[in-house]
C-alpha atoms as a PDB file:
ATOM      1  CA  UNK A   1      55.091 -12.310 -21.422  1.00  0.00           C
ATOM      2  CA  UNK A   2      52.807 -14.119 -19.010  1.00  0.00           C
ATOM      3  CA  UNK A   3      53.413 -11.471 -16.347  1.00  0.00           C
ATOM      4  CA  UNK A   4      52.677  -8.665 -18.805  1.00  0.00           C
ATOM      5  CA  UNK A   5      49.477 -10.373 -19.927  1.00  0.00           C
ATOM      6  CA  UNK A   6      48.311 -10.714 -16.319  1.00  0.00           C
ATOM      7  CA  UNK A   7      49.040  -7.051 -15.628  1.00  0.00           C
ATOM      8  CA  UNK A   8      47.071  -5.986 -18.736  1.00  0.00           C
ATOM      9  CA  UNK A   9      44.035  -8.034 -17.702  1.00  0.00           C
ATOM     10  CA  UNK A  10      44.196  -6.577 -14.203  1.00  0.00           C
ATOM     11  CA  UNK A  11      44.274  -3.072 -15.694  1.00  0.00           C
ATOM     12  CA  UNK A  12      41.155  -3.852 -17.737  1.00  0.00           C
ATOM     13  CA  UNK A  13      39.348  -5.189 -14.684  1.00  0.00           C
ATOM     14  CA  UNK A  14      39.914  -1.941 -12.807  1.00  0.00           C
ATOM     15  CA  UNK A  15      39.249   0.482 -15.657  1.00  0.00           C
ATOM     16  CA  UNK A  16      36.306  -0.974 -17.571  1.00  0.00           C
ATOM     17  CA  UNK A  17      32.893  -0.631 -15.857  1.00  0.00           C
ATOM     18  CA  UNK A  18      31.458  -3.906 -14.647  1.00  0.00           C
ATOM     19  CA  UNK A  19      34.486  -5.981 -15.705  1.00  0.00           C
ATOM     20  CA  UNK A  20      36.080  -8.154 -13.044  1.00  0.00           C
ATOM     21  CA  UNK A  21      33.502  -7.295 -10.322  1.00  0.00           C
ATOM     22  CA  UNK A  22      30.032  -8.844  -9.996  1.00  0.00           C
ATOM     23  CA  UNK A  23      27.046  -6.489  -9.676  1.00  0.00           C
ATOM     24  CA  UNK A  24      25.936  -5.598  -6.170  1.00  0.00           C
ATOM     25  CA  UNK A  25      23.277  -7.977  -4.798  1.00  0.00           C
ATOM     26  CA  UNK A  26      19.762  -6.542  -4.410  1.00  0.00           C
ATOM     27  CA  UNK A  27      19.910  -7.297  -0.653  1.00  0.00           C
ATOM     28  CA  UNK A  28      22.959  -7.226   1.611  1.00  0.00           C
ATOM     29  CA  UNK A  29      23.298  -7.121   5.385  1.00  0.00           C
ATOM     30  CA  UNK A  30      20.755  -8.306   7.920  1.00  0.00           C
ATOM     31  CA  UNK A  31      18.124  -7.568  10.548  1.00  0.00           C
ATOM     32  CA  UNK A  32      18.934  -9.362  13.806  1.00  0.00           C
ATOM     33  CA  UNK A  33      16.348  -9.932  16.536  1.00  0.00           C
ATOM     34  CA  UNK A  34      17.541 -11.335  19.871  1.00  0.00           C
ATOM     35  CA  UNK A  35      20.714 -12.549  18.207  1.00  0.00           C
ATOM     36  CA  UNK A  36      18.907 -14.336  15.371  1.00  0.00           C
ATOM     37  CA  UNK A  37      19.041 -12.968  11.805  1.00  0.00           C
ATOM     38  CA  UNK A  38      15.720 -12.815   9.946  1.00  0.00           C
ATOM     39  CA  UNK A  39      16.315 -14.612   6.622  1.00  0.00           C
ATOM     40  CA  UNK A  40      15.294 -12.582   3.550  1.00  0.00           C
ATOM     41  CA  UNK A  41      16.384 -13.135  -0.038  1.00  0.00           C
ATOM     42  CA  UNK A  42      13.710 -11.446  -2.183  1.00  0.00           C
ATOM     43  CA  UNK A  43      13.049  -7.736  -2.669  1.00  0.00           C
ATOM     44  CA  UNK A  44       9.995  -6.093  -4.232  1.00  0.00           C
ATOM     45  CA  UNK A  45       9.047  -2.410  -4.312  1.00  0.00           C
ATOM     46  CA  UNK A  46       5.714  -0.730  -5.019  1.00  0.00           C
ATOM     47  CA  UNK A  47       4.200   2.752  -5.106  1.00  0.00           C
ATOM     48  CA  UNK A  48       1.546   3.245  -2.420  1.00  0.00           C
ATOM     49  CA  UNK A  49      -0.304   6.053  -0.701  1.00  0.00           C
ATOM     50  CA  UNK A  50       1.061   7.234   2.618  1.00  0.00           C
ATOM     51  CA  UNK A  51      -1.577   6.018   5.108  1.00  0.00           C
ATOM     52  CA  UNK A  52      -0.999   9.077   7.306  1.00  0.00           C
ATOM     53  CA  UNK A  53      -0.969  11.523   4.391  1.00  0.00           C
ATOM     54  CA  UNK A  54      -2.940   9.716   1.677  1.00  0.00           C
ATOM     55  CA  UNK A  55      -2.724  12.435  -0.951  1.00  0.00           C
ATOM     56  CA  UNK A  56       0.989  11.719  -1.220  1.00  0.00           C
ATOM     57  CA  UNK A  57       2.631   8.567  -2.568  1.00  0.00           C
ATOM     58  CA  UNK A  58       5.657   6.721  -1.207  1.00  0.00           C
ATOM     59  CA  UNK A  59       7.632   3.588  -2.046  1.00  0.00           C
ATOM     60  CA  UNK A  60       6.869   0.414  -0.094  1.00  0.00           C
ATOM     61  CA  UNK A  61       9.702  -2.143  -0.067  1.00  0.00           C
ATOM     62  CA  UNK A  62       9.213  -5.767   0.983  1.00  0.00           C
ATOM     63  CA  UNK A  63      12.121  -8.056   1.889  1.00  0.00           C
ATOM     64  CA  UNK A  64      10.868 -11.627   2.061  1.00  0.00           C
ATOM     65  CA  UNK A  65      12.041 -15.233   2.098  1.00  0.00           C
ATOM     66  CA  UNK A  66       9.818 -16.126  -0.873  1.00  0.00           C
ATOM     67  CA  UNK A  67       8.795 -13.895  -3.803  1.00  0.00           C
ATOM     68  CA  UNK A  68       5.518 -12.014  -3.525  1.00  0.00           C
ATOM     69  CA  UNK A  69       3.102 -11.657  -6.442  1.00  0.00           C
ATOM     70  CA  UNK A  70       4.447  -8.409  -7.890  1.00  0.00           C
ATOM     71  CA  UNK A  71       1.887  -8.278 -10.690  1.00  0.00           C
ATOM     72  CA  UNK A  72      -1.110  -8.643  -8.369  1.00  0.00           C
ATOM     73  CA  UNK A  73       0.169  -6.112  -5.847  1.00  0.00           C
ATOM     74  CA  UNK A  74       1.164  -3.484  -8.402  1.00  0.00           C
ATOM     75  CA  UNK A  75      -2.172  -3.773 -10.257  1.00  0.00           C
ATOM     76  CA  UNK A  76      -4.283  -3.475  -7.110  1.00  0.00           C
ATOM     77  CA  UNK A  77      -6.232  -0.333  -6.252  1.00  0.00           C
ATOM     78  CA  UNK A  78      -5.350  -1.112  -2.629  1.00  0.00           C
ATOM     79  CA  UNK A  79      -1.784  -2.416  -2.978  1.00  0.00           C
ATOM     80  CA  UNK A  80      -1.048  -2.298   0.752  1.00  0.00           C
ATOM     81  CA  UNK A  81      -3.886  -4.664   1.642  1.00  0.00           C
ATOM     82  CA  UNK A  82      -2.977  -6.919  -1.279  1.00  0.00           C
ATOM     83  CA  UNK A  83       0.666  -6.940  -0.177  1.00  0.00           C
ATOM     84  CA  UNK A  84       0.102  -7.864   3.473  1.00  0.00           C
ATOM     85  CA  UNK A  85      -2.257 -10.658   2.403  1.00  0.00           C
ATOM     86  CA  UNK A  86       0.141 -12.140  -0.137  1.00  0.00           C
ATOM     87  CA  UNK A  87       0.687 -15.878   0.540  1.00  0.00           C
ATOM     88  CA  UNK A  88       4.447 -15.317   0.746  1.00  0.00           C
ATOM     89  CA  UNK A  89       4.086 -13.167   3.881  1.00  0.00           C
ATOM     90  CA  UNK A  90       0.736 -14.101   5.379  1.00  0.00           C
ATOM     91  CA  UNK A  91       2.282 -16.443   7.962  1.00  0.00           C
ATOM     92  CA  UNK A  92       5.957 -15.688   7.421  1.00  0.00           C
ATOM     93  CA  UNK A  93       8.600 -13.326   8.768  1.00  0.00           C
ATOM     94  CA  UNK A  94       9.478 -10.364   6.555  1.00  0.00           C
ATOM     95  CA  UNK A  95      10.692  -6.784   6.591  1.00  0.00           C
ATOM     96  CA  UNK A  96       8.760  -3.846   5.149  1.00  0.00           C
ATOM     97  CA  UNK A  97      10.173  -0.372   4.563  1.00  0.00           C
ATOM     98  CA  UNK A  98       8.274   2.789   3.637  1.00  0.00           C
ATOM     99  CA  UNK A  99      10.432   5.359   1.856  1.00  0.00           C
ATOM    100  CA  UNK A 100       9.118   8.903   1.547  1.00  0.00           C
ATOM    101  CA  UNK A 101      10.138  11.399  -1.120  1.00  0.00           C
ATOM    102  CA  UNK A 102      12.357  13.239   1.390  1.00  0.00           C
ATOM    103  CA  UNK A 103      14.342  10.053   2.081  1.00  0.00           C
ATOM    104  CA  UNK A 104      12.755   9.314   5.449  1.00  0.00           C
ATOM    105  CA  UNK A 105      12.523   5.553   5.963  1.00  0.00           C
ATOM    106  CA  UNK A 106      10.183   3.651   8.282  1.00  0.00           C
ATOM    107  CA  UNK A 107      10.603  -0.020   9.221  1.00  0.00           C
ATOM    108  CA  UNK A 108       7.885  -2.537  10.039  1.00  0.00           C
ATOM    109  CA  UNK A 109       9.509  -5.885  10.807  1.00  0.00           C
ATOM    110  CA  UNK A 110       7.037  -8.768  11.015  1.00  0.00           C
ATOM    111  CA  UNK A 111       8.732 -11.503  13.050  1.00  0.00           C
ATOM    112  CA  UNK A 112       7.084 -14.325  14.962  1.00  0.00           C
ATOM    113  CA  UNK A 113       3.667 -12.718  14.711  1.00  0.00           C
ATOM    114  CA  UNK A 114       4.918  -9.462  16.278  1.00  0.00           C
ATOM    115  CA  UNK A 115       5.530  -6.143  14.512  1.00  0.00           C
ATOM    116  CA  UNK A 116       8.649  -4.125  15.356  1.00  0.00           C
ATOM    117  CA  UNK A 117       8.359  -0.528  14.185  1.00  0.00           C
ATOM    118  CA  UNK A 118      11.022   2.158  13.879  1.00  0.00           C
ATOM    119  CA  UNK A 119      11.888   5.119  11.673  1.00  0.00           C
ATOM    120  CA  UNK A 120      14.611   7.527  10.621  1.00  0.00           C
ATOM    121  CA  UNK A 121      12.111  10.308  11.317  1.00  0.00           C
ATOM    122  CA  UNK A 122       9.900  10.708  14.361  1.00  0.00           C
ATOM    123  CA  UNK A 123       7.379   8.323  15.876  1.00  0.00           C
ATOM    124  CA  UNK A 124       4.937   9.379  18.597  1.00  0.00           C
ATOM    125  CA  UNK A 125       6.890  12.615  18.975  1.00  0.00           C
ATOM    126  CA  UNK A 126      10.257  10.914  19.510  1.00  0.00           C
ATOM    127  CA  UNK A 127      13.213  10.541  17.199  1.00  0.00           C
ATOM    128  CA  UNK A 128      13.538   7.065  15.727  1.00  0.00           C
ATOM    129  CA  UNK A 129      16.606   4.826  15.881  1.00  0.00           C
ATOM    130  CA  UNK A 130      17.182   4.332  12.161  1.00  0.00           C
ATOM    131  CA  UNK A 131      19.853   5.980  10.028  1.00  0.00           C
ATOM    132  CA  UNK A 132      18.916   5.896   6.351  1.00  0.00           C
ATOM    133  CA  UNK A 133      20.594   6.954   3.138  1.00  0.00           C
ATOM    134  CA  UNK A 134      18.987   6.417  -0.268  1.00  0.00           C
ATOM    135  CA  UNK A 135      21.190   6.925  -3.323  1.00  0.00           C
ATOM    136  CA  UNK A 136      18.148   6.308  -5.543  1.00  0.00           C
ATOM    137  CA  UNK A 137      14.607   7.294  -4.579  1.00  0.00           C
ATOM    138  CA  UNK A 138      12.413   7.826  -7.629  1.00  0.00           C
ATOM    139  CA  UNK A 139       8.974   6.528  -8.658  1.00  0.00           C
ATOM    140  CA  UNK A 140      10.706   3.815 -10.705  1.00  0.00           C
ATOM    141  CA  UNK A 141      13.835   2.915  -8.729  1.00  0.00           C
ATOM    142  CA  UNK A 142      14.840   2.591  -5.067  1.00  0.00           C
ATOM    143  CA  UNK A 143      18.244   1.921  -3.478  1.00  0.00           C
ATOM    144  CA  UNK A 144      18.787   2.507   0.241  1.00  0.00           C
ATOM    145  CA  UNK A 145      21.071   1.655   3.134  1.00  0.00           C
ATOM    146  CA  UNK A 146      19.335   1.506   6.517  1.00  0.00           C
ATOM    147  CA  UNK A 147      20.962   0.797   9.864  1.00  0.00           C
ATOM    148  CA  UNK A 148      20.701   1.285  13.608  1.00  0.00           C
ATOM    149  CA  UNK A 149      23.586   3.114  15.262  1.00  0.00           C
ATOM    150  CA  UNK A 150      23.363   0.695  18.194  1.00  0.00           C
ATOM    151  CA  UNK A 151      21.086  -2.212  19.219  1.00  0.00           C
ATOM    152  CA  UNK A 152      17.528  -1.124  19.972  1.00  0.00           C
ATOM    153  CA  UNK A 153      15.781  -2.437  23.076  1.00  0.00           C
ATOM    154  CA  UNK A 154      12.040  -2.781  22.535  1.00  0.00           C
ATOM    155  CA  UNK A 155       9.636  -1.980  25.358  1.00  0.00           C
ATOM    156  CA  UNK A 156       9.351  -5.147  27.429  1.00  0.00           C
ATOM    157  CA  UNK A 157      10.643  -7.231  24.541  1.00  0.00           C
ATOM    158  CA  UNK A 158      13.753  -8.322  22.642  1.00  0.00           C
ATOM    159  CA  UNK A 159      16.621  -6.269  21.219  1.00  0.00           C
ATOM    160  CA  UNK A 160      17.141  -5.781  17.491  1.00  0.00           C
ATOM    161  CA  UNK A 161      19.818  -4.333  15.252  1.00  0.00           C
ATOM    162  CA  UNK A 162      19.806  -3.521  11.558  1.00  0.00           C
ATOM    163  CA  UNK A 163      22.460  -2.914   8.921  1.00  0.00           C
ATOM    164  CA  UNK A 164      20.977  -3.614   5.544  1.00  0.00           C
ATOM    165  CA  UNK A 165      21.042  -2.387   1.937  1.00  0.00           C
ATOM    166  CA  UNK A 166      18.451  -3.052  -0.757  1.00  0.00           C
ATOM    167  CA  UNK A 167      17.718  -1.942  -4.293  1.00  0.00           C
ATOM    168  CA  UNK A 168      14.950  -2.707  -6.768  1.00  0.00           C
ATOM    169  CA  UNK A 169      12.849  -1.397  -9.602  1.00  0.00           C
ATOM    170  CA  UNK A 170       9.596   0.107  -8.329  1.00  0.00           C
ATOM    171  CA  UNK A 171       6.368  -1.083  -9.954  1.00  0.00           C
ATOM    172  CA  UNK A 172       2.915   0.486  -9.909  1.00  0.00           C
ATOM    173  CA  UNK A 173      -0.352   0.332 -11.797  1.00  0.00           C
ATOM    174  CA  UNK A 174      -0.985   2.558 -14.789  1.00  0.00           C
ATOM    175  CA  UNK A 175      -3.102   5.544 -13.695  1.00  0.00           C
ATOM    176  CA  UNK A 176      -6.467   6.189 -15.292  1.00  0.00           C
ATOM    177  CA  UNK A 177      -7.836   9.345 -16.872  1.00  0.00           C
ATOM    178  CA  UNK A 178      -8.275  12.121 -14.273  1.00  0.00           C
ATOM    179  CA  UNK A 179     -11.885  12.980 -13.464  1.00  0.00           C
ATOM    180  CA  UNK A 180     -13.458  16.316 -12.581  1.00  0.00           C
ATOM    181  CA  UNK A 181     -13.571  17.271  -8.899  1.00  0.00           C
ATOM    182  CA  UNK A 182     -17.272  16.425  -8.631  1.00  0.00           C
ATOM    183  CA  UNK A 183     -16.668  12.847  -9.773  1.00  0.00           C
ATOM    184  CA  UNK A 184     -18.924  13.348 -12.800  1.00  0.00           C
ATOM    185  CA  UNK A 185     -21.691  10.738 -13.306  1.00  0.00           C
ATOM    186  CA  UNK A 186     -20.100   8.136 -10.988  1.00  0.00           C
ATOM    187  CA  UNK A 187     -19.932  10.778  -8.268  1.00  0.00           C
ATOM    188  CA  UNK A 188     -23.603  11.634  -8.671  1.00  0.00           C
ATOM    189  CA  UNK A 189     -24.476   7.942  -8.347  1.00  0.00           C
ATOM    190  CA  UNK A 190     -22.452   7.639  -5.147  1.00  0.00           C
ATOM    191  CA  UNK A 191     -24.192  10.630  -3.577  1.00  0.00           C
ATOM    192  CA  UNK A 192     -27.555   9.181  -4.590  1.00  0.00           C
ATOM    193  CA  UNK A 193     -26.643   5.912  -2.854  1.00  0.00           C
ATOM    194  CA  UNK A 194     -25.564   7.735   0.295  1.00  0.00           C
ATOM    195  CA  UNK A 195     -28.952   9.478   0.338  1.00  0.00           C
ATOM    196  CA  UNK A 196     -30.816   6.217  -0.333  1.00  0.00           C
ATOM    197  CA  UNK A 197     -29.084   4.519   2.601  1.00  0.00           C
ATOM    198  CA  UNK A 198     -30.481   7.247   4.842  1.00  0.00           C
ATOM    199  CA  UNK A 199     -34.017   6.417   3.633  1.00  0.00           C
ATOM    200  CA  UNK A 200     -36.334   3.433   3.970  1.00  0.00           C
ATOM    201  CA  UNK A 201     -36.640   2.231   0.352  1.00  0.00           C
ATOM    202  CA  UNK A 202     -34.666  -0.964  -0.273  1.00  0.00           C
ATOM    203  CA  UNK A 203     -35.389  -0.865  -4.011  1.00  0.00           C
ATOM    204  CA  UNK A 204     -33.637   2.504  -4.346  1.00  0.00           C
ATOM    205  CA  UNK A 205     -30.586   1.134  -2.570  1.00  0.00           C
ATOM    206  CA  UNK A 206     -30.432  -2.045  -4.659  1.00  0.00           C
ATOM    207  CA  UNK A 207     -30.722  -0.058  -7.906  1.00  0.00           C
ATOM    208  CA  UNK A 208     -27.469   1.734  -7.072  1.00  0.00           C
ATOM    209  CA  UNK A 209     -25.442  -1.431  -6.332  1.00  0.00           C
ATOM    210  CA  UNK A 210     -23.700  -3.931  -8.583  1.00  0.00           C
ATOM    211  CA  UNK A 211     -25.623  -7.228  -8.876  1.00  0.00           C
ATOM    212  CA  UNK A 212     -23.027  -8.902  -6.647  1.00  0.00           C
ATOM    213  CA  UNK A 213     -23.508  -6.287  -3.935  1.00  0.00           C
ATOM    214  CA  UNK A 214     -27.299  -6.179  -4.289  1.00  0.00           C
ATOM    215  CA  UNK A 215     -27.547  -9.951  -3.854  1.00  0.00           C
ATOM    216  CA  UNK A 216     -26.274  -9.631  -0.279  1.00  0.00           C
ATOM    217  CA  UNK A 217     -29.408  -7.725   0.713  1.00  0.00           C
ATOM    218  CA  UNK A 218     -31.985  -9.960  -0.953  1.00  0.00           C
ATOM    219  CA  UNK A 219     -31.655 -13.024   1.250  1.00  0.00           C
ATOM    220  CA  UNK A 220     -34.760 -15.220   1.074  1.00  0.00           C
ATOM    221  CA  UNK A 221     -34.336 -16.268   4.704  1.00  0.00           C
ATOM    222  CA  UNK A 222     -34.829 -12.653   5.788  1.00  0.00           C
ATOM    223  CA  UNK A 223     -37.896 -10.451   5.563  1.00  0.00           C
ATOM    224  CA  UNK A 224     -37.759  -7.335   3.339  1.00  0.00           C
ATOM    225  CA  UNK A 225     -37.527  -5.248   6.497  1.00  0.00           C
ATOM    226  CA  UNK A 226     -34.565  -7.297   7.716  1.00  0.00           C
ATOM    227  CA  UNK A 227     -32.820  -7.012   4.337  1.00  0.00           C
ATOM    228  CA  UNK A 228     -33.338  -3.252   4.438  1.00  0.00           C
ATOM    229  CA  UNK A 229     -31.927  -3.052   7.952  1.00  0.00           C
ATOM    230  CA  UNK A 230     -28.910  -5.114   6.895  1.00  0.00           C
ATOM    231  CA  UNK A 231     -28.249  -2.915   3.851  1.00  0.00           C
ATOM    232  CA  UNK A 232     -28.505   0.275   5.884  1.00  0.00           C
ATOM    233  CA  UNK A 233     -26.229  -1.030   8.631  1.00  0.00           C
ATOM    234  CA  UNK A 234     -23.483  -2.402   6.363  1.00  0.00           C
ATOM    235  CA  UNK A 235     -23.467   0.360   3.759  1.00  0.00           C
ATOM    236  CA  UNK A 236     -23.572   3.079   6.390  1.00  0.00           C
ATOM    237  CA  UNK A 237     -20.207   1.771   7.598  1.00  0.00           C
ATOM    238  CA  UNK A 238     -18.675   1.205   4.167  1.00  0.00           C
ATOM    239  CA  UNK A 239     -19.752   4.453   2.535  1.00  0.00           C
ATOM    240  CA  UNK A 240     -18.089   7.741   3.493  1.00  0.00           C
ATOM    241  CA  UNK A 241     -20.241   9.803   5.850  1.00  0.00           C
ATOM    242  CA  UNK A 242     -20.617  13.480   4.933  1.00  0.00           C
ATOM    243  CA  UNK A 243     -18.964  12.671   1.593  1.00  0.00           C
ATOM    244  CA  UNK A 244     -16.974  15.279  -0.282  1.00  0.00           C
ATOM    245  CA  UNK A 245     -15.859  14.043  -3.696  1.00  0.00           C
ATOM    246  CA  UNK A 246     -12.521  15.562  -4.703  1.00  0.00           C
ATOM    247  CA  UNK A 247     -11.819  13.777  -7.995  1.00  0.00           C
ATOM    248  CA  UNK A 248     -10.908  10.328  -9.197  1.00  0.00           C
ATOM    249  CA  UNK A 249      -9.753   8.199 -12.117  1.00  0.00           C
ATOM    250  CA  UNK A 250     -11.618   6.772 -15.077  1.00  0.00           C
ATOM    251  CA  UNK A 251      -9.929   3.384 -15.463  1.00  0.00           C
ATOM    252  CA  UNK A 252     -12.202   2.204 -18.287  1.00  0.00           C
ATOM    253  CA  UNK A 253     -15.496   3.152 -19.904  1.00  0.00           C
ATOM    254  CA  UNK A 254     -17.287   1.090 -17.255  1.00  0.00           C
ATOM    255  CA  UNK A 255     -14.938   1.485 -14.286  1.00  0.00           C
ATOM    256  CA  UNK A 256     -14.140   4.542 -12.160  1.00  0.00           C
ATOM    257  CA  UNK A 257     -12.440   5.162  -8.831  1.00  0.00           C
ATOM    258  CA  UNK A 258     -13.547   8.184  -6.824  1.00  0.00           C
ATOM    259  CA  UNK A 259     -11.487   9.991  -4.200  1.00  0.00           C
ATOM    260  CA  UNK A 260     -13.881  10.916  -1.416  1.00  0.00           C
ATOM    261  CA  UNK A 261     -13.295  12.662   1.884  1.00  0.00           C
ATOM    262  CA  UNK A 262     -15.511  11.428   4.697  1.00  0.00           C
ATOM    263  CA  UNK A 263     -16.003  11.205   8.450  1.00  0.00           C
ATOM    264  CA  UNK A 264     -16.178   7.606   9.723  1.00  0.00           C
ATOM    265  CA  UNK A 265     -16.685   8.869  13.280  1.00  0.00           C
ATOM    266  CA  UNK A 266     -16.895  12.167  15.136  1.00  0.00           C
ATOM    267  CA  UNK A 267     -13.840  14.338  14.444  1.00  0.00           C
ATOM    268  CA  UNK A 268     -12.435  11.646  12.145  1.00  0.00           C
ATOM    269  CA  UNK A 269     -11.377  12.637   8.637  1.00  0.00           C
ATOM    270  CA  UNK A 270     -10.471   9.947   6.111  1.00  0.00           C
ATOM    271  CA  UNK A 271      -9.813   9.678   2.398  1.00  0.00           C
ATOM    272  CA  UNK A 272     -11.759   6.863   0.732  1.00  0.00           C
ATOM    273  CA  UNK A 273     -11.313   5.204  -2.648  1.00  0.00           C
ATOM    274  CA  UNK A 274     -14.720   4.212  -4.008  1.00  0.00           C
ATOM    275  CA  UNK A 275     -15.048   1.916  -7.020  1.00  0.00           C
ATOM    276  CA  UNK A 276     -18.006   2.471  -9.315  1.00  0.00           C
ATOM    277  CA  UNK A 277     -19.110   0.345 -12.286  1.00  0.00           C
ATOM    278  CA  UNK A 278     -21.218   1.249 -15.311  1.00  0.00           C
ATOM    279  CA  UNK A 279     -23.826  -1.470 -15.918  1.00  0.00           C
ATOM    280  CA  UNK A 280     -26.630  -1.166 -18.479  1.00  0.00           C
ATOM    281  CA  UNK A 281     -25.877   2.521 -18.867  1.00  0.00           C
ATOM    282  CA  UNK A 282     -26.014   3.329 -15.143  1.00  0.00           C
ATOM    283  CA  UNK A 283     -23.237   3.869 -12.619  1.00  0.00           C
ATOM    284  CA  UNK A 284     -23.486   1.718  -9.495  1.00  0.00           C
ATOM    285  CA  UNK A 285     -21.426   1.122  -6.362  1.00  0.00           C
ATOM    286  CA  UNK A 286     -19.024  -1.835  -6.191  1.00  0.00           C
ATOM    287  CA  UNK A 287     -16.772  -1.376  -3.163  1.00  0.00           C
ATOM    288  CA  UNK A 288     -14.749   1.112  -1.154  1.00  0.00           C
ATOM    289  CA  UNK A 289     -11.652   1.223   1.021  1.00  0.00           C
ATOM    290  CA  UNK A 290      -9.924   3.699   3.306  1.00  0.00           C
ATOM    291  CA  UNK A 291      -6.830   5.205   1.678  1.00  0.00           C
ATOM    292  CA  UNK A 292      -5.643   6.891   4.847  1.00  0.00           C
ATOM    293  CA  UNK A 293      -6.174   9.507   7.523  1.00  0.00           C
ATOM    294  CA  UNK A 294      -6.425  13.151   6.518  1.00  0.00           C
ATOM    295  CA  UNK A 295      -4.916  15.804   8.765  1.00  0.00           C
END
């Protein structure tokens, strides 16, 4: 009877899903640099814009020794910058993977203050060393196996190898209400600020900034002319040059994010995200960031 009972339990373990076998760990395998594995035990995944094609979105996966602040990163309008400045990775070794919709995977390993970059696609016109297979690659879930066929010798540096699997839920912020292509009232305010920065009237510039931004150009230790020069210099860099508003999101009644094409330098073409706030019935500029390079 004991033998029969054992056989019956074994049959159940093999036939019932999840019975008798623990679930797969979220991370398995390792990244080895110069014979030393990089210790990672936490996985987090986020939706981010592709920096080289910023009108598309990809999944950014972080493998770390300590957990990152998932809530802060996923809620950020610039999740990449928030992620790389998270205290868990700021001065620590970690692995970052970018997974595109077509399954192409790029690696950026941050180890000892050095970044080691590779891809399953092409980099600088050459085929990368990674072999990647993702059994799940959706906006809400990621599960991939990434490896190198053989150890990779870096240029003038150490050798690394990779054979690693990871899986995680993907988190992202809730999108706002889509705006018209002209950016509506926030867009008009941004264009007015761009024009004011080209002029010589500090009051016009200050009227189109949030109080926090305007305060930076009203220093009592500077003359009005010096404050004007400072405003023109700083804002000329931060605001898109030759701006072309292509849409945006209304995140709240008093908060909008504009998508703006601009030229930071000659022959450069970038996509900017510009945050605007509605204060006392008027839209004013808060801050902006570069979403990526347009082709």
